[in-house]
Each structure stands twice: as C-alpha cells, then as structure tokens.
Amino acid sequence: MKPTERFSNRADDYRRYRPGYPLAVTELMREACGLKAGASVADVGSGTGIFSRLLLEAGFEVTAVEPNGPMQLAAEEDLGHFPRFHSVAAAAEQTGLPGASFDAITVAQAFHWFDHQAARREFQRLLRPGGLVFIIWNNRQIDSSPFARAYEDLLKALGESYEAVAHRSQDVGPRGIEEFFAPGVAQLAEFDNPHVMDWPGLRGRFLSASYAPAKGDPRHEDFLARLERIFRQHEVEGRVTFDQTTKVYYGKLLLDMT
C-alpha cells in the first residue's frame, strides 16, 4: 500500500483520538526562532490537521499540505473556519506551491513517510531566505510502565504490519535527521506530553494506526478484545496513560556547496 493511502479508512479515528502537541512547540517557534504572528507556515503531511490547529491558534498563516483525500477533508471540516487556514492536496516531494513563499515548514508525525532527499529539495524551494524546518514527533515510551509494556507486546503480536512501520520510524533516527539537515545542524527540543485516555480513547488511538486491523479484518475483534483486557488490568479511575515525549528537530536547510 502506498504511504499516501495508508490512512484513508482511519481519518475519523485519527482526528478524534491521536494525541495533540504541547503549546511549548509553537512557543519555541515564536520565542526561540523569532517567528511572528502572521508568519507563513507550510504544514507538510498535515493529516487531519492536529498540528495545523496548534499553528493557527498561535497566529500563523497555515497552508496544510496533505495527499490523502479523507485526511485532507477531515482537516478542512475541522479548520475551515480559521481565516488563515489553506488546504492543498499534494505530496511533500512536489507540493506545486510557489517558491520562496514560506517562513517555516513543519512536519508532524509524517517525516518517515517521505522521500527525504526529494522533500529536502522541495523544502529548499519553498522557503524564504532564513526559513526554518521543524520536524516533530510524539514518541510513546514503550517500557515506562506495565501498561506500556503490555501495549507494546500487543502491537508486536501484529507481526510484520507493525514491525514494518516501527522500523520505518526507527530508520529515520538521529542519523536520518543529521543527513536531512546537512551541511547544517539541527537543534533538538524535547517536551513531556503524556497522553491520558479512557477506553474509547485507547481504542480509537489503536485503530488510528496504519498497522491496526481495521473492521472487516479477521483479526479485528480479537485484537480489540485483547486491548480491552489490557485496559481493564491497568486503568486507574477509568484512565490509562502513555508516557510520551514530543521531540522537535529544527534548523535551516543550507545549500551543500561540496
């Protein structure tokens, strides 16, 4: 399945149950990086607009770039009332947007799906002189609690469908980020961002993942039953928590003069 098609049947769960991002991310963009209200930001791989919303609420002019139709439609439904929101159906590697049009580019939870070198060339084309790139991930801690370990064991039971996505994310890693920003250097900021969920929230987060068995898959009901058992074993006052860190890699894309 093409990366741009993986979430077509999961847009509703994605928009409702995926975790958000801390305000500290946009505070970093404004205070440490000097982006002012009204600055033009391309949110590439914007999905259902979870991070685009944070950008809009911070006062930025946001162009959400998303190739998946159902995900893009969800963002337009949720964010269309913001006058500074613009939506474009396009891939990261070829957006079709005018060159030198953006003060910053953000990528939240999507960078591992890109052709990195092609995206780098496109980002360089889109950015104004001095423009910045922010690559953002919510990283779930897989061994921080009995609940986290039980959930990770459940995902591993999915086999190749989970392992392929996990490896894709891991393959980016610090080295992939270093290569993307070279010959420049990316800075890293980290923020605690725990995700607290009731049972519908945990169920929805699980089903929003591209590797989770969707309705109609013969494994669907079995894995949901196993997930509910894990929830009942570990919930406290009807809630479970993923310990989670938001990582932000940011910097300029310098030209390679070698």
Protein backbone atom coordinates (compact mmCIF):
# COMPACT_ATOMS: atom_id res chain seq x y z
CA MET A 1 0.00 0.00 0.00
CA LYS A 2 1.26 3.49 -0.86
CA PRO A 3 2.09 5.66 2.18
CA THR A 4 -0.36 8.28 0.91
CA GLU A 5 -3.21 5.73 1.07
CA ARG A 6 -2.50 4.08 4.42
CA PHE A 7 -4.89 6.21 6.49
CA SER A 8 -7.83 6.52 4.10
CA ASN A 9 -10.10 4.34 6.28
CA ARG A 10 -8.80 5.76 9.58
CA ALA A 11 -9.28 9.51 9.22
CA ASP A 12 -12.11 9.79 11.75
CA ASP A 13 -10.28 7.84 14.49
CA TYR A 14 -7.12 9.78 13.68
CA ARG A 15 -8.73 13.20 14.03
CA ARG A 16 -10.53 12.25 17.28
CA TYR A 17 -8.04 10.13 19.16
CA ARG A 18 -4.46 10.86 18.14
CA PRO A 19 -2.58 12.88 20.75
CA GLY A 20 -2.02 16.56 20.29
CA TYR A 21 1.17 18.56 20.79
CA PRO A 22 2.20 20.83 23.65
CA LEU A 23 1.94 24.59 23.35
CA ALA A 24 5.66 24.66 24.05
CA VAL A 25 6.27 23.73 20.41
CA THR A 26 4.73 26.90 19.00
CA GLU A 27 6.26 28.91 21.85
CA LEU A 28 9.63 27.58 20.69
CA MET A 29 8.83 28.67 17.14
CA ARG A 30 7.92 32.18 18.25
CA GLU A 31 10.31 32.89 21.12
CA ALA A 32 13.46 30.93 20.28
CA CYS A 33 13.16 31.12 16.50
CA GLY A 34 11.62 34.56 16.07
CA LEU A 35 8.55 33.63 14.02
CA LYS A 36 5.94 36.33 14.48
CA ALA A 37 2.16 36.15 14.32
CA GLY A 38 1.14 36.08 10.69
CA ALA A 39 4.29 34.24 9.58
CA SER A 40 3.59 31.86 6.70
CA VAL A 41 3.96 28.18 7.61
CA ALA A 42 3.56 25.13 5.39
CA ASP A 43 2.45 22.16 7.49
CA VAL A 44 3.51 19.27 5.24
CA GLY A 45 1.96 15.85 5.73
CA SER A 46 -0.67 17.64 7.78
CA GLY A 47 -3.09 14.71 8.03
CA THR A 48 -6.31 15.65 9.78
CA GLY A 49 -4.84 18.97 10.91
CA ILE A 50 -3.93 18.20 14.53
CA PHE A 51 -0.72 20.22 14.41
CA SER A 52 -2.15 22.72 11.91
CA ARG A 53 -4.69 23.70 14.57
CA LEU A 54 -1.91 24.47 17.06
CA LEU A 55 -0.18 26.63 14.45
CA LEU A 56 -3.38 28.52 13.67
CA GLU A 57 -4.10 29.12 17.35
CA ALA A 58 -0.58 30.57 17.64
CA GLY A 59 -1.48 33.14 14.98
CA PHE A 60 0.40 31.74 11.97
CA GLU A 61 -0.82 31.70 8.36
CA VAL A 62 -1.02 27.96 7.66
CA THR A 63 -1.01 26.04 4.40
CA ALA A 64 -1.80 22.40 5.17
CA VAL A 65 -0.29 20.06 2.57
CA GLU A 66 -1.78 16.54 2.57
CA PRO A 67 -2.04 13.97 -0.26
CA ASN A 68 -4.65 11.71 1.36
CA GLY A 69 -8.20 12.75 0.44
CA PRO A 70 -10.11 11.62 3.57
CA MET A 71 -7.44 13.07 5.87
CA GLN A 72 -7.43 16.38 4.00
CA LEU A 73 -11.24 16.55 4.09
CA ALA A 74 -11.24 15.98 7.86
CA ALA A 75 -8.82 18.88 8.30
CA GLU A 76 -10.92 21.15 6.10
CA GLU A 77 -14.06 20.29 8.09
CA ASP A 78 -12.35 20.98 11.42
CA LEU A 79 -10.26 24.01 10.49
CA GLY A 80 -12.09 25.69 7.61
CA HIS A 81 -13.46 28.38 9.93
CA PHE A 82 -9.94 29.75 10.53
CA PRO A 83 -9.40 32.61 8.05
CA ARG A 84 -5.66 31.88 7.91
CA PHE A 85 -6.09 28.21 7.00
CA HIS A 86 -5.38 26.99 3.47
CA SER A 87 -5.57 23.41 2.26
CA VAL A 88 -3.59 21.84 -0.59
CA ALA A 89 -3.80 18.27 -1.89
CA ALA A 90 -0.18 17.43 -2.63
CA ALA A 91 2.77 15.28 -1.60
CA ALA A 92 5.76 16.55 0.35
CA GLU A 93 8.09 15.95 -2.56
CA GLN A 94 6.07 18.01 -5.06
CA THR A 95 3.68 20.48 -3.50
CA GLY A 96 3.02 22.69 -6.52
CA LEU A 97 3.21 25.74 -4.24
CA PRO A 98 5.03 28.92 -5.25
CA GLY A 99 8.72 29.07 -4.42
CA ALA A 100 10.15 31.27 -1.66
CA SER A 101 6.70 31.60 -0.11
CA PHE A 102 7.14 30.33 3.47
CA ASP A 103 8.91 31.44 6.62
CA ALA A 104 8.82 27.92 8.05
CA ILE A 105 7.88 24.34 7.22
CA THR A 106 6.58 21.92 9.82
CA VAL A 107 6.30 18.14 9.61
CA ALA A 108 4.44 16.48 12.48
CA GLN A 109 4.41 12.69 12.73
CA ALA A 110 4.90 12.24 8.97
CA PHE A 111 8.58 12.60 8.08
CA HIS A 112 9.21 8.84 7.99
CA TRP A 113 6.79 8.53 5.05
CA PHE A 114 8.71 10.97 2.84
CA ASP A 115 11.42 10.53 0.24
CA HIS A 116 13.81 12.60 2.33
CA GLN A 117 16.10 13.94 -0.37
CA ALA A 118 13.24 14.84 -2.72
CA ALA A 119 11.41 16.53 0.17
CA ARG A 120 14.57 18.39 1.12
CA ARG A 121 14.88 19.86 -2.38
CA GLU A 122 11.21 20.87 -2.33
CA PHE A 123 11.51 22.45 1.13
CA GLN A 124 14.54 24.47 -0.02
CA ARG A 125 12.50 25.72 -2.96
CA LEU A 126 9.53 26.70 -0.78
CA LEU A 127 11.41 28.52 1.99
CA ARG A 128 12.27 32.18 2.02
CA PRO A 129 15.88 33.07 2.88
CA GLY A 130 16.49 32.20 6.51
CA GLY A 131 13.42 29.95 6.68
CA LEU A 132 13.29 27.11 9.17
CA VAL A 133 12.18 23.49 9.15
CA PHE A 134 10.63 21.84 12.23
CA ILE A 135 10.32 18.04 12.32
CA ILE A 136 8.11 16.90 15.17
CA TRP A 137 7.32 13.52 16.70
CA ASN A 138 5.26 12.30 19.62
CA ASN A 139 7.31 9.36 20.91
CA ARG A 140 5.47 6.81 23.05
CA GLN A 141 7.67 5.31 25.77
CA ILE A 142 7.38 1.54 25.29
CA ASP A 143 8.90 0.38 28.59
CA SER A 144 7.97 3.02 31.15
CA SER A 145 5.14 1.14 32.90
CA PRO A 146 3.42 -2.28 32.99
CA PHE A 147 0.67 -0.82 30.80
CA ALA A 148 3.19 0.47 28.23
CA ARG A 149 4.89 -2.92 28.08
CA ALA A 150 1.60 -4.80 27.71
CA TYR A 151 0.53 -2.47 24.89
CA GLU A 152 3.83 -2.88 23.08
CA ASP A 153 3.55 -6.67 23.38
CA LEU A 154 0.10 -6.46 21.81
CA LEU A 155 1.49 -4.46 18.88
CA LYS A 156 4.32 -6.91 18.39
CA ALA A 157 1.73 -9.67 18.09
CA LEU A 158 0.57 -7.93 14.90
CA GLY A 159 3.80 -9.10 13.32
CA GLU A 160 5.05 -7.62 10.09
CA SER A 161 2.34 -4.97 9.76
CA TYR A 162 3.58 -3.31 12.96
CA GLU A 163 7.27 -4.09 12.64
CA ALA A 164 7.49 -2.56 9.16
CA VAL A 165 6.14 0.80 10.38
CA ALA A 166 8.21 0.68 13.58
CA HIS A 167 11.37 0.05 11.60
CA ARG A 168 10.50 2.81 9.15
CA SER A 169 10.29 5.29 12.02
CA GLN A 170 13.46 3.98 13.66
CA ASP A 171 15.37 4.14 10.38
CA VAL A 172 14.97 7.92 10.38
CA GLY A 173 16.58 8.31 13.81
CA PRO A 174 19.20 10.93 14.67
CA ARG A 175 21.34 9.91 11.69
CA GLY A 176 18.48 10.43 9.24
CA ILE A 177 17.80 13.85 10.74
CA GLU A 178 21.50 14.72 10.57
CA GLU A 179 21.62 13.76 6.89
CA PHE A 180 18.48 15.77 6.11
CA PHE A 181 19.83 19.00 7.62
CA ALA A 182 23.46 18.56 6.48
CA PRO A 183 25.61 20.55 5.94
CA GLY A 184 23.65 22.49 8.57
CA VAL A 185 22.96 21.17 12.06
CA ALA A 186 19.54 20.58 13.61
CA GLN A 187 18.80 21.57 17.17
CA LEU A 188 16.63 19.37 19.39
CA ALA A 189 13.99 20.38 21.91
CA GLU A 190 12.04 17.86 23.99
CA PHE A 191 8.82 18.29 25.94
CA ASP A 192 6.82 15.95 28.16
CA ASN A 193 3.45 15.23 26.57
CA PRO A 194 1.61 12.40 28.38
CA HIS A 195 -1.48 11.05 26.67
CA VAL A 196 -4.31 10.17 29.08
CA MET A 197 -7.11 8.01 27.65
CA ASP A 198 -10.36 6.40 28.69
CA TRP A 199 -11.41 3.16 26.98
CA PRO A 200 -12.89 4.82 23.85
CA GLY A 201 -9.77 6.95 23.61
CA LEU A 202 -7.39 3.98 23.79
CA ARG A 203 -9.50 2.01 21.33
CA GLY A 204 -9.59 4.93 18.92
CA ARG A 205 -5.86 5.59 19.17
CA PHE A 206 -5.15 1.92 18.43
CA LEU A 207 -7.48 1.86 15.43
CA SER A 208 -6.00 5.10 14.07
CA ALA A 209 -2.66 3.37 13.48
CA SER A 210 -2.00 2.18 9.94
CA TYR A 211 -0.97 -1.27 11.21
CA ALA A 212 -4.05 -1.94 13.37
CA PRO A 213 -6.55 -4.49 11.95
CA ALA A 214 -9.45 -2.49 10.54
CA LYS A 215 -13.08 -3.55 10.67
CA GLY A 216 -13.52 -6.49 8.31
CA ASP A 217 -10.07 -7.87 9.04
CA PRO A 218 -10.47 -11.32 10.68
CA ARG A 219 -8.12 -10.21 13.48
CA HIS A 220 -10.08 -7.04 14.28
CA GLU A 221 -12.39 -8.28 17.06
CA ASP A 222 -9.72 -10.47 18.68
CA PHE A 223 -7.23 -7.63 18.98
CA LEU A 224 -9.85 -5.23 20.33
CA ALA A 225 -10.79 -7.80 22.98
CA ARG A 226 -7.14 -8.21 23.93
CA LEU A 227 -6.73 -4.43 24.05
CA GLU A 228 -9.73 -4.07 26.36
CA ARG A 229 -8.30 -6.69 28.71
CA ILE A 230 -5.09 -4.70 28.91
CA PHE A 231 -7.07 -1.54 29.62
CA ARG A 232 -9.11 -3.20 32.41
CA GLN A 233 -5.96 -4.60 34.03
CA HIS A 234 -4.16 -1.25 34.15
CA GLU A 235 -6.77 1.52 34.31
CA VAL A 236 -6.91 3.82 37.31
CA GLU A 237 -10.23 5.58 37.75
CA GLY A 238 -11.11 4.69 34.18
CA ARG A 239 -7.92 6.06 32.62
CA VAL A 240 -4.58 4.82 31.32
CA THR A 241 -1.60 6.95 30.35
CA PHE A 242 1.08 6.72 27.72
CA ASP A 243 4.26 8.39 28.90
CA GLN A 244 5.17 10.36 25.83
CA THR A 245 7.81 12.85 24.74
CA THR A 246 7.43 15.38 21.95
CA LYS A 247 10.70 15.81 20.07
CA VAL A 248 11.29 18.81 17.82
CA TYR A 249 14.25 18.88 15.45
CA TYR A 250 14.69 22.29 13.88
CA GLY A 251 17.11 24.28 11.77
CA LYS A 252 17.85 25.76 8.36
CA LEU A 253 18.40 23.81 5.15
CA LEU A 254 21.72 25.12 3.97
CA LEU A 255 22.93 24.56 0.44
CA ASP A 256 25.52 21.81 0.08
CA MET A 257 28.49 23.54 -1.55
CA THR A 258 30.65 20.40 -1.88
